């Protein structure tokens, strides 16, 4: 016979939200459109070429663009990778 036990989760903990963060690229006067778009394509998972270019244009015209939103740990990774490629980054915004 099997001895089955069940695990009861603390309802407060199971409903707790994990920190969500935004990764925002800022406009600057030295990165080219091609470089920004290429970095977004290489670093941000699931980024399409069209989205990379749309976001790059938004950075140029508006001054910034949110390029990724999700859990804080991943946001920190993508932020650091984009920064290491020379992109100008806003501080990570937690929501």
PDB file of N, CA and C in Angstrom:
ATOM      1  N   UNK A   1       0.833  -1.185   0.000  1.00  0.00           N
ATOM      2  CA  UNK A   1       0.000   0.000   0.000  1.00  0.00           C
ATOM      3  C   UNK A   1       0.873   1.243   0.000  1.00  0.00           C
ATOM      4  N   UNK A   2       0.330   2.275  -0.579  1.00  0.00           N
ATOM      5  CA  UNK A   2       1.010   3.561  -0.622  1.00  0.00           C
ATOM      6  C   UNK A   2       0.585   4.389   0.573  1.00  0.00           C
ATOM      7  N   UNK A   3       1.532   5.094   1.129  1.00  0.00           N
ATOM      8  CA  UNK A   3       1.225   6.018   2.211  1.00  0.00           C
ATOM      9  C   UNK A   3       1.266   7.421   1.611  1.00  0.00           C
ATOM     10  N   UNK A   4       0.121   7.943   1.268  1.00  0.00           N
ATOM     11  CA  UNK A   4       0.054   9.255   0.633  1.00  0.00           C
ATOM     12  C   UNK A   4      -0.132  10.335   1.684  1.00  0.00           C
ATOM     13  N   UNK A   5       0.665  11.341   1.569  1.00  0.00           N
ATOM     14  CA  UNK A   5       0.507  12.490   2.457  1.00  0.00           C
ATOM     15  C   UNK A   5       0.300  13.715   1.588  1.00  0.00           C
ATOM     16  N   UNK A   6      -0.373  14.674   2.124  1.00  0.00           N
ATOM     17  CA  UNK A   6      -0.571  15.899   1.364  1.00  0.00           C
ATOM     18  C   UNK A   6       0.170  17.034   2.049  1.00  0.00           C
ATOM     19  N   UNK A   7       0.561  17.989   1.248  1.00  0.00           N
ATOM     20  CA  UNK A   7       1.254  19.160   1.769  1.00  0.00           C
ATOM     21  C   UNK A   7       0.281  20.319   1.742  1.00  0.00           C
ATOM     22  N   UNK A   8       0.176  20.986   2.855  1.00  0.00           N
ATOM     23  CA  UNK A   8      -0.698  22.153   2.935  1.00  0.00           C
ATOM     24  C   UNK A   8       0.181  23.391   2.838  1.00  0.00           C
ATOM     25  N   UNK A   9      -0.134  24.226   1.870  1.00  0.00           N
ATOM     26  CA  UNK A   9       0.628  25.449   1.689  1.00  0.00           C
ATOM     27  C   UNK A   9       0.023  26.556   2.530  1.00  0.00           C
ATOM     28  N   UNK A  10       0.873  27.387   3.044  1.00  0.00           N
ATOM     29  CA  UNK A  10       0.409  28.572   3.744  1.00  0.00           C
ATOM     30  C   UNK A  10      -0.252  29.470   2.713  1.00  0.00           C
ATOM     31  N   UNK A  11      -1.543  29.763   2.884  1.00  0.00           N
ATOM     32  CA  UNK A  11      -2.276  30.540   1.883  1.00  0.00           C
ATOM     33  C   UNK A  11      -1.665  31.914   1.667  1.00  0.00           C
ATOM     34  N   UNK A  12      -1.184  32.541   2.719  1.00  0.00           N
ATOM     35  CA  UNK A  12      -0.576  33.867   2.567  1.00  0.00           C
ATOM     36  C   UNK A  12       0.685  33.788   1.721  1.00  0.00           C
ATOM     37  N   UNK A  13       1.494  32.771   1.952  1.00  0.00           N
ATOM     38  CA  UNK A  13       2.724  32.635   1.185  1.00  0.00           C
ATOM     39  C   UNK A  13       2.455  32.236  -0.257  1.00  0.00           C
ATOM     40  N   UNK A  14       1.474  31.373  -0.469  1.00  0.00           N
ATOM     41  CA  UNK A  14       1.216  30.914  -1.833  1.00  0.00           C
ATOM     42  C   UNK A  14       0.611  32.019  -2.697  1.00  0.00           C
ATOM     43  N   UNK A  15       0.002  33.010  -2.079  1.00  0.00           N
ATOM     44  CA  UNK A  15      -0.575  34.120  -2.845  1.00  0.00           C
ATOM     45  C   UNK A  15       0.356  35.323  -2.916  1.00  0.00           C
ATOM     46  N   UNK A  16       1.486  35.255  -2.221  1.00  0.00           N
ATOM     47  CA  UNK A  16       2.423  36.376  -2.236  1.00  0.00           C
ATOM     48  C   UNK A  16       2.978  36.551  -3.644  1.00  0.00           C
ATOM     49  N   UNK A  17       3.032  37.796  -4.087  1.00  0.00           N
ATOM     50  CA  UNK A  17       3.560  38.089  -5.411  1.00  0.00           C
ATOM     51  C   UNK A  17       5.076  38.154  -5.362  1.00  0.00           C
ATOM     52  N   UNK A  18       5.685  37.588  -6.367  1.00  0.00           N
ATOM     53  CA  UNK A  18       7.120  37.747  -6.510  1.00  0.00           C
ATOM     54  C   UNK A  18       7.357  39.144  -7.067  1.00  0.00           C
ATOM     55  N   UNK A  19       8.470  39.778  -6.706  1.00  0.00           N
ATOM     56  CA  UNK A  19       8.720  41.129  -7.219  1.00  0.00           C
ATOM     57  C   UNK A  19       8.775  41.130  -8.745  1.00  0.00           C
ATOM     58  N   UNK A  20       8.085  42.075  -9.333  1.00  0.00           N
ATOM     59  CA  UNK A  20       8.098  42.262 -10.782  1.00  0.00           C
ATOM     60  C   UNK A  20       8.901  43.521 -11.060  1.00  0.00           C
ATOM     61  N   UNK A  21       9.689  43.484 -12.103  1.00  0.00           N
ATOM     62  CA  UNK A  21      10.550  44.612 -12.424  1.00  0.00           C
ATOM     63  C   UNK A  21      10.519  44.904 -13.917  1.00  0.00           C
ATOM     64  N   UNK A  22      10.835  46.161 -14.236  1.00  0.00           N
ATOM     65  CA  UNK A  22      10.895  46.606 -15.631  1.00  0.00           C
ATOM     66  C   UNK A  22      12.342  46.920 -16.006  1.00  0.00           C
ATOM     67  N   UNK A  23      12.712  46.531 -17.211  1.00  0.00           N
ATOM     68  CA  UNK A  23      14.023  46.862 -17.767  1.00  0.00           C
ATOM     69  C   UNK A  23      13.786  47.946 -18.815  1.00  0.00           C
ATOM     70  N   UNK A  24      14.425  49.099 -18.612  1.00  0.00           N
ATOM     71  CA  UNK A  24      14.187  50.261 -19.468  1.00  0.00           C
ATOM     72  C   UNK A  24      15.504  50.736 -20.073  1.00  0.00           C
ATOM     73  N   UNK A  25      15.504  50.872 -21.403  1.00  0.00           N
ATOM     74  CA  UNK A  25      16.661  51.399 -22.126  1.00  0.00           C
ATOM     75  C   UNK A  25      16.425  52.890 -22.354  1.00  0.00           C
ATOM     76  N   UNK A  26      17.481  53.680 -22.142  1.00  0.00           N
ATOM     77  CA  UNK A  26      17.413  55.126 -22.332  1.00  0.00           C
ATOM     78  C   UNK A  26      18.124  55.548 -23.608  1.00  0.00           C
ATOM     79  N   UNK A  27      17.690  56.661 -24.158  1.00  0.00           N
ATOM     80  CA  UNK A  27      18.329  57.227 -25.347  1.00  0.00           C
ATOM     81  C   UNK A  27      19.692  57.806 -24.969  1.00  0.00           C
ATOM     82  N   UNK A  28      20.611  57.750 -25.887  1.00  0.00           N
ATOM     83  CA  UNK A  28      21.918  58.381 -25.705  1.00  0.00           C
ATOM     84  C   UNK A  28      22.409  58.855 -27.070  1.00  0.00           C
ATOM     85  N   UNK A  29      23.547  59.487 -27.085  1.00  0.00           N
ATOM     86  CA  UNK A  29      24.061  60.057 -28.332  1.00  0.00           C
ATOM     87  C   UNK A  29      25.172  59.235 -28.968  1.00  0.00           C
ATOM     88  N   UNK A  30      25.390  58.021 -28.477  1.00  0.00           N
ATOM     89  CA  UNK A  30      26.515  57.272 -29.031  1.00  0.00           C
ATOM     90  C   UNK A  30      26.178  55.861 -29.508  1.00  0.00           C
ATOM     91  N   UNK A  31      25.090  55.242 -29.059  1.00  0.00           N
ATOM     92  CA  UNK A  31      24.735  53.910 -29.569  1.00  0.00           C
ATOM     93  C   UNK A  31      23.927  54.051 -30.852  1.00  0.00           C
ATOM     94  N   UNK A  32      24.284  53.247 -31.840  1.00  0.00           N
ATOM     95  CA  UNK A  32      23.560  53.284 -33.106  1.00  0.00           C
ATOM     96  C   UNK A  32      22.260  52.483 -32.997  1.00  0.00           C
ATOM     97  N   UNK A  33      21.331  52.758 -33.890  1.00  0.00           N
ATOM     98  CA  UNK A  33      20.083  52.002 -33.943  1.00  0.00           C
ATOM     99  C   UNK A  33      20.386  50.516 -34.088  1.00  0.00           C
ATOM    100  N   UNK A  34      21.302  50.195 -34.981  1.00  0.00           N
ATOM    101  CA  UNK A  34      21.635  48.795 -35.255  1.00  0.00           C
ATOM    102  C   UNK A  34      22.164  48.107 -34.002  1.00  0.00           C
ATOM    103  N   UNK A  35      23.036  48.794 -33.251  1.00  0.00           N
ATOM    104  CA  UNK A  35      23.608  48.204 -32.040  1.00  0.00           C
ATOM    105  C   UNK A  35      22.524  47.940 -30.994  1.00  0.00           C
ATOM    106  N   UNK A  36      21.648  48.914 -30.777  1.00  0.00           N
ATOM    107  CA  UNK A  36      20.575  48.748 -29.787  1.00  0.00           C
ATOM    108  C   UNK A  36      19.663  47.593 -30.194  1.00  0.00           C
ATOM    109  N   UNK A  37      19.225  47.580 -31.437  1.00  0.00           N
ATOM    110  CA  UNK A  37      18.336  46.516 -31.918  1.00  0.00           C
ATOM    111  C   UNK A  37      19.009  45.146 -31.810  1.00  0.00           C
ATOM    112  N   UNK A  38      20.287  45.056 -32.183  1.00  0.00           N
ATOM    113  CA  UNK A  38      21.012  43.782 -32.085  1.00  0.00           C
ATOM    114  C   UNK A  38      21.121  43.305 -30.639  1.00  0.00           C
ATOM    115  N   UNK A  39      21.394  44.220 -29.715  1.00  0.00           N
ATOM    116  CA  UNK A  39      21.488  43.848 -28.302  1.00  0.00           C
ATOM    117  C   UNK A  39      20.150  43.315 -27.791  1.00  0.00           C
ATOM    118  N   UNK A  40      19.073  43.985 -28.147  1.00  0.00           N
ATOM    119  CA  UNK A  40      17.751  43.524 -27.714  1.00  0.00           C
ATOM    120  C   UNK A  40      17.453  42.136 -28.263  1.00  0.00           C
ATOM    121  N   UNK A  41      17.787  41.923 -29.530  1.00  0.00           N
ATOM    122  CA  UNK A  41      17.550  40.613 -30.153  1.00  0.00           C
ATOM    123  C   UNK A  41      18.351  39.508 -29.476  1.00  0.00           C
ATOM    124  N   UNK A  42      19.585  39.780 -29.124  1.00  0.00           N
ATOM    125  CA  UNK A  42      20.462  38.768 -28.544  1.00  0.00           C
ATOM    126  C   UNK A  42      20.164  38.491 -27.073  1.00  0.00           C
ATOM    127  N   UNK A  43      19.735  39.505 -26.345  1.00  0.00           N
ATOM    128  CA  UNK A  43      19.643  39.382 -24.884  1.00  0.00           C
ATOM    129  C   UNK A  43      18.234  39.118 -24.372  1.00  0.00           C
ATOM    130  N   UNK A  44      17.247  39.756 -24.945  1.00  0.00           N
ATOM    131  CA  UNK A  44      15.877  39.619 -24.440  1.00  0.00           C
ATOM    132  C   UNK A  44      15.210  38.397 -25.086  1.00  0.00           C
ATOM    133  N   UNK A  45      14.820  37.400 -24.287  1.00  0.00           N
ATOM    134  CA  UNK A  45      14.209  36.191 -24.854  1.00  0.00           C
ATOM    135  C   UNK A  45      12.902  36.497 -25.582  1.00  0.00           C
ATOM    136  N   UNK A  46      12.732  35.845 -26.701  1.00  0.00           N
ATOM    137  CA  UNK A  46      11.491  35.981 -27.459  1.00  0.00           C
ATOM    138  C   UNK A  46      11.368  37.279 -28.236  1.00  0.00           C
ATOM    139  N   UNK A  47      12.411  38.081 -28.257  1.00  0.00           N
ATOM    140  CA  UNK A  47      12.374  39.362 -28.963  1.00  0.00           C
ATOM    141  C   UNK A  47      12.438  39.105 -30.468  1.00  0.00           C
ATOM    142  N   UNK A  48      11.470  39.666 -31.179  1.00  0.00           N
ATOM    143  CA  UNK A  48      11.482  39.554 -32.635  1.00  0.00           C
ATOM    144  C   UNK A  48      12.264  40.728 -33.220  1.00  0.00           C
ATOM    145  N   UNK A  49      12.668  40.583 -34.459  1.00  0.00           N
ATOM    146  CA  UNK A  49      13.400  41.662 -35.113  1.00  0.00           C
ATOM    147  C   UNK A  49      12.530  42.916 -35.203  1.00  0.00           C
ATOM    148  N   UNK A  50      11.257  42.746 -35.515  1.00  0.00           N
ATOM    149  CA  UNK A  50      10.347  43.887 -35.607  1.00  0.00           C
ATOM    150  C   UNK A  50      10.206  44.587 -34.256  1.00  0.00           C
ATOM    151  N   UNK A  51      10.026  43.814 -33.186  1.00  0.00           N
ATOM    152  CA  UNK A  51       9.896  44.417 -31.850  1.00  0.00           C
ATOM    153  C   UNK A  51      11.172  45.138 -31.444  1.00  0.00           C
ATOM    154  N   UNK A  52      12.313  44.552 -31.763  1.00  0.00           N
ATOM    155  CA  UNK A  52      13.593  45.182 -31.426  1.00  0.00           C
ATOM    156  C   UNK A  52      13.710  46.539 -32.112  1.00  0.00           C
ATOM    157  N   UNK A  53      13.333  46.585 -33.388  1.00  0.00           N
ATOM    158  CA  UNK A  53      13.401  47.861 -34.110  1.00  0.00           C
ATOM    159  C   UNK A  53      12.354  48.843 -33.599  1.00  0.00           C
ATOM    160  N   UNK A  54      11.147  48.369 -33.320  1.00  0.00           N
ATOM    161  CA  UNK A  54      10.101  49.259 -32.783  1.00  0.00           C
ATOM    162  C   UNK A  54      10.537  49.869 -31.454  1.00  0.00           C
ATOM    163  N   UNK A  55      11.128  49.057 -30.586  1.00  0.00           N
ATOM    164  CA  UNK A  55      11.595  49.561 -29.294  1.00  0.00           C
ATOM    165  C   UNK A  55      12.774  50.519 -29.457  1.00  0.00           C
ATOM    166  N   UNK A  56      13.648  50.227 -30.395  1.00  0.00           N
ATOM    167  CA  UNK A  56      14.792  51.104 -30.661  1.00  0.00           C
ATOM    168  C   UNK A  56      14.307  52.470 -31.137  1.00  0.00           C
ATOM    169  N   UNK A  57      13.330  52.486 -32.002  1.00  0.00           N
ATOM    170  CA  UNK A  57      12.758  53.753 -32.488  1.00  0.00           C
ATOM    171  C   UNK A  57      12.075  54.496 -31.341  1.00  0.00           C
ATOM    172  N   UNK A  58      11.392  53.761 -30.473  1.00  0.00           N
ATOM    173  CA  UNK A  58      10.743  54.383 -29.311  1.00  0.00           C
ATOM    174  C   UNK A  58      11.778  55.019 -28.387  1.00  0.00           C
ATOM    175  N   UNK A  59      12.885  54.326 -28.162  1.00  0.00           N
ATOM    176  CA  UNK A  59      13.964  54.891 -27.341  1.00  0.00           C
ATOM    177  C   UNK A  59      14.423  56.215 -27.935  1.00  0.00           C
ATOM    178  N   UNK A  60      14.597  56.245 -29.255  1.00  0.00           N
ATOM    179  CA  UNK A  60      15.087  57.450 -29.926  1.00  0.00           C
ATOM    180  C   UNK A  60      14.066  58.587 -29.900  1.00  0.00           C
ATOM    181  N   UNK A  61      12.804  58.275 -30.130  1.00  0.00           N
ATOM    182  CA  UNK A  61      11.797  59.339 -30.247  1.00  0.00           C
ATOM    183  C   UNK A  61      11.251  59.807 -28.897  1.00  0.00           C
ATOM    184  N   UNK A  62      11.070  58.882 -27.960  1.00  0.00           N
ATOM    185  CA  UNK A  62      10.483  59.230 -26.662  1.00  0.00           C
ATOM    186  C   UNK A  62      11.561  59.452 -25.603  1.00  0.00           C
ATOM    187  N   UNK A  63      12.696  58.809 -25.767  1.00  0.00           N
ATOM    188  CA  UNK A  63      13.778  58.942 -24.804  1.00  0.00           C
ATOM    189  C   UNK A  63      13.998  57.703 -23.960  1.00  0.00           C
ATOM    190  N   UNK A  64      13.029  56.775 -23.976  1.00  0.00           N
ATOM    191  CA  UNK A  64      13.181  55.528 -23.231  1.00  0.00           C
ATOM    192  C   UNK A  64      12.146  54.530 -23.719  1.00  0.00           C
ATOM    193  N   UNK A  65      12.403  53.258 -23.405  1.00  0.00           N
ATOM    194  CA  UNK A  65      11.438  52.209 -23.723  1.00  0.00           C
ATOM    195  C   UNK A  65      11.621  51.052 -22.759  1.00  0.00           C
ATOM    196  N   UNK A  66      10.488  50.528 -22.298  1.00  0.00           N
ATOM    197  CA  UNK A  66      10.507  49.316 -21.488  1.00  0.00           C
ATOM    198  C   UNK A  66      10.710  48.153 -22.446  1.00  0.00           C
ATOM    199  N   UNK A  67      11.800  47.421 -22.257  1.00  0.00           N
ATOM    200  CA  UNK A  67      12.129  46.344 -23.188  1.00  0.00           C
ATOM    201  C   UNK A  67      11.828  44.969 -22.628  1.00  0.00           C
ATOM    202  N   UNK A  68      11.585  44.900 -21.308  1.00  0.00           N
ATOM    203  CA  UNK A  68      11.240  43.617 -20.697  1.00  0.00           C
ATOM    204  C   UNK A  68      10.608  43.865 -19.344  1.00  0.00           C
ATOM    205  N   UNK A  69       9.671  42.994 -18.951  1.00  0.00           N
ATOM    206  CA  UNK A  69       9.034  43.052 -17.638  1.00  0.00           C
ATOM    207  C   UNK A  69       8.856  41.627 -17.149  1.00  0.00           C
ATOM    208  N   UNK A  70       9.219  41.405 -15.898  1.00  0.00           N
ATOM    209  CA  UNK A  70       9.084  40.074 -15.329  1.00  0.00           C
ATOM    210  C   UNK A  70       9.710  40.014 -13.958  1.00  0.00           C
ATOM    211  N   UNK A  71      10.084  38.808 -13.543  1.00  0.00           N
ATOM    212  CA  UNK A  71      10.605  38.679 -12.181  1.00  0.00           C
ATOM    213  C   UNK A  71      11.930  39.423 -12.019  1.00  0.00           C
ATOM    214  N   UNK A  72      12.150  39.884 -10.806  1.00  0.00           N
ATOM    215  CA  UNK A  72      13.283  40.756 -10.496  1.00  0.00           C
ATOM    216  C   UNK A  72      14.625  40.125 -10.839  1.00  0.00           C
ATOM    217  N   UNK A  73      14.789  38.858 -10.538  1.00  0.00           N
ATOM    218  CA  UNK A  73      16.078  38.207 -10.787  1.00  0.00           C
ATOM    219  C   UNK A  73      16.434  38.217 -12.271  1.00  0.00           C
ATOM    220  N   UNK A  74      15.481  37.885 -13.125  1.00  0.00           N
ATOM    221  CA  UNK A  74      15.733  37.921 -14.569  1.00  0.00           C
ATOM    222  C   UNK A  74      15.953  39.351 -15.040  1.00  0.00           C
ATOM    223  N   UNK A  75      15.175  40.287 -14.503  1.00  0.00           N
ATOM    224  CA  UNK A  75      15.330  41.695 -14.886  1.00  0.00           C
ATOM    225  C   UNK A  75      16.750  42.170 -14.599  1.00  0.00           C
ATOM    226  N   UNK A  76      17.281  41.778 -13.451  1.00  0.00           N
ATOM    227  CA  UNK A  76      18.646  42.171 -13.101  1.00  0.00           C
ATOM    228  C   UNK A  76      19.657  41.600 -14.093  1.00  0.00           C
ATOM    229  N   UNK A  77      19.439  40.361 -14.509  1.00  0.00           N
ATOM    230  CA  UNK A  77      20.327  39.735 -15.484  1.00  0.00           C
ATOM    231  C   UNK A  77      20.292  40.475 -16.819  1.00  0.00           C
ATOM    232  N   UNK A  78      19.089  40.710 -17.363  1.00  0.00           N
ATOM    233  CA  UNK A  78      18.974  41.383 -18.666  1.00  0.00           C
ATOM    234  C   UNK A  78      19.508  42.812 -18.583  1.00  0.00           C
ATOM    235  N   UNK A  79      19.233  43.493 -17.479  1.00  0.00           N
ATOM    236  CA  UNK A  79      19.724  44.853 -17.279  1.00  0.00           C
ATOM    237  C   UNK A  79      21.250  44.872 -17.334  1.00  0.00           C
ATOM    238  N   UNK A  80      21.879  43.973 -16.615  1.00  0.00           N
ATOM    239  CA  UNK A  80      23.340  43.909 -16.580  1.00  0.00           C
ATOM    240  C   UNK A  80      23.923  43.565 -17.953  1.00  0.00           C
ATOM    241  N   UNK A  81      23.285  42.630 -18.651  1.00  0.00           N
ATOM    242  CA  UNK A  81      23.783  42.236 -19.973  1.00  0.00           C
ATOM    243  C   UNK A  81      23.681  43.391 -20.970  1.00  0.00           C
ATOM    244  N   UNK A  82      22.562  44.110 -20.957  1.00  0.00           N
ATOM    245  CA  UNK A  82      22.402  45.254 -21.858  1.00  0.00           C
ATOM    246  C   UNK A  82      23.393  46.361 -21.501  1.00  0.00           C
ATOM    247  N   UNK A  83      23.559  46.606 -20.214  1.00  0.00           N
ATOM    248  CA  UNK A  83      24.511  47.618 -19.753  1.00  0.00           C
ATOM    249  C   UNK A  83      25.934  47.249 -20.178  1.00  0.00           C
ATOM    250  N   UNK A  84      26.277  45.977 -20.075  1.00  0.00           N
ATOM    251  CA  UNK A  84      27.635  45.543 -20.435  1.00  0.00           C
ATOM    252  C   UNK A  84      27.908  45.691 -21.931  1.00  0.00           C
ATOM    253  N   UNK A  85      26.857  45.761 -22.732  1.00  0.00           N
ATOM    254  CA  UNK A  85      27.008  45.981 -24.184  1.00  0.00           C
ATOM    255  C   UNK A  85      27.070  47.468 -24.520  1.00  0.00           C
ATOM    256  N   UNK A  86      27.004  48.327 -23.486  1.00  0.00           N
ATOM    257  CA  UNK A  86      27.143  49.758 -23.706  1.00  0.00           C
ATOM    258  C   UNK A  86      25.842  50.531 -23.779  1.00  0.00           C
ATOM    259  N   UNK A  87      24.708  49.857 -23.607  1.00  0.00           N
ATOM    260  CA  UNK A  87      23.437  50.583 -23.654  1.00  0.00           C
ATOM    261  C   UNK A  87      23.263  51.409 -22.385  1.00  0.00           C
ATOM    262  N   UNK A  88      22.598  52.532 -22.527  1.00  0.00           N
ATOM    263  CA  UNK A  88      22.320  53.393 -21.391  1.00  0.00           C
ATOM    264  C   UNK A  88      21.019  52.903 -20.763  1.00  0.00           C
ATOM    265  N   UNK A  89      21.106  52.558 -19.476  1.00  0.00           N
ATOM    266  CA  UNK A  89      19.989  51.899 -18.804  1.00  0.00           C
ATOM    267  C   UNK A  89      19.452  52.756 -17.665  1.00  0.00           C
ATOM    268  N   UNK A  90      18.119  52.756 -17.514  1.00  0.00           N
ATOM    269  CA  UNK A  90      17.507  53.342 -16.331  1.00  0.00           C
ATOM    270  C   UNK A  90      17.661  52.342 -15.198  1.00  0.00           C
ATOM    271  N   UNK A  91      17.616  52.831 -13.956  1.00  0.00           N
ATOM    272  CA  UNK A  91      17.612  51.860 -12.840  1.00  0.00           C
ATOM    273  C   UNK A  91      16.421  50.922 -12.989  1.00  0.00           C
ATOM    274  N   UNK A  92      16.564  49.698 -12.523  1.00  0.00           N
ATOM    275  CA  UNK A  92      15.463  48.734 -12.590  1.00  0.00           C
ATOM    276  C   UNK A  92      14.302  49.272 -11.780  1.00  0.00           C
ATOM    277  N   UNK A  93      13.115  49.256 -12.383  1.00  0.00           N
ATOM    278  CA  UNK A  93      11.906  49.703 -11.696  1.00  0.00           C
ATOM    279  C   UNK A  93      11.145  48.502 -11.173  1.00  0.00           C
ATOM    280  N   UNK A  94      10.920  48.461  -9.879  1.00  0.00           N
ATOM    281  CA  UNK A  94      10.124  47.392  -9.284  1.00  0.00           C
ATOM    282  C   UNK A  94       8.669  47.841  -9.244  1.00  0.00           C
ATOM    283  N   UNK A  95       7.777  46.905  -9.607  1.00  0.00           N
ATOM    284  CA  UNK A  95       6.343  47.244  -9.596  1.00  0.00           C
ATOM    285  C   UNK A  95       5.604  46.383  -8.611  1.00  0.00           C
TER     286      UNK A  95
END
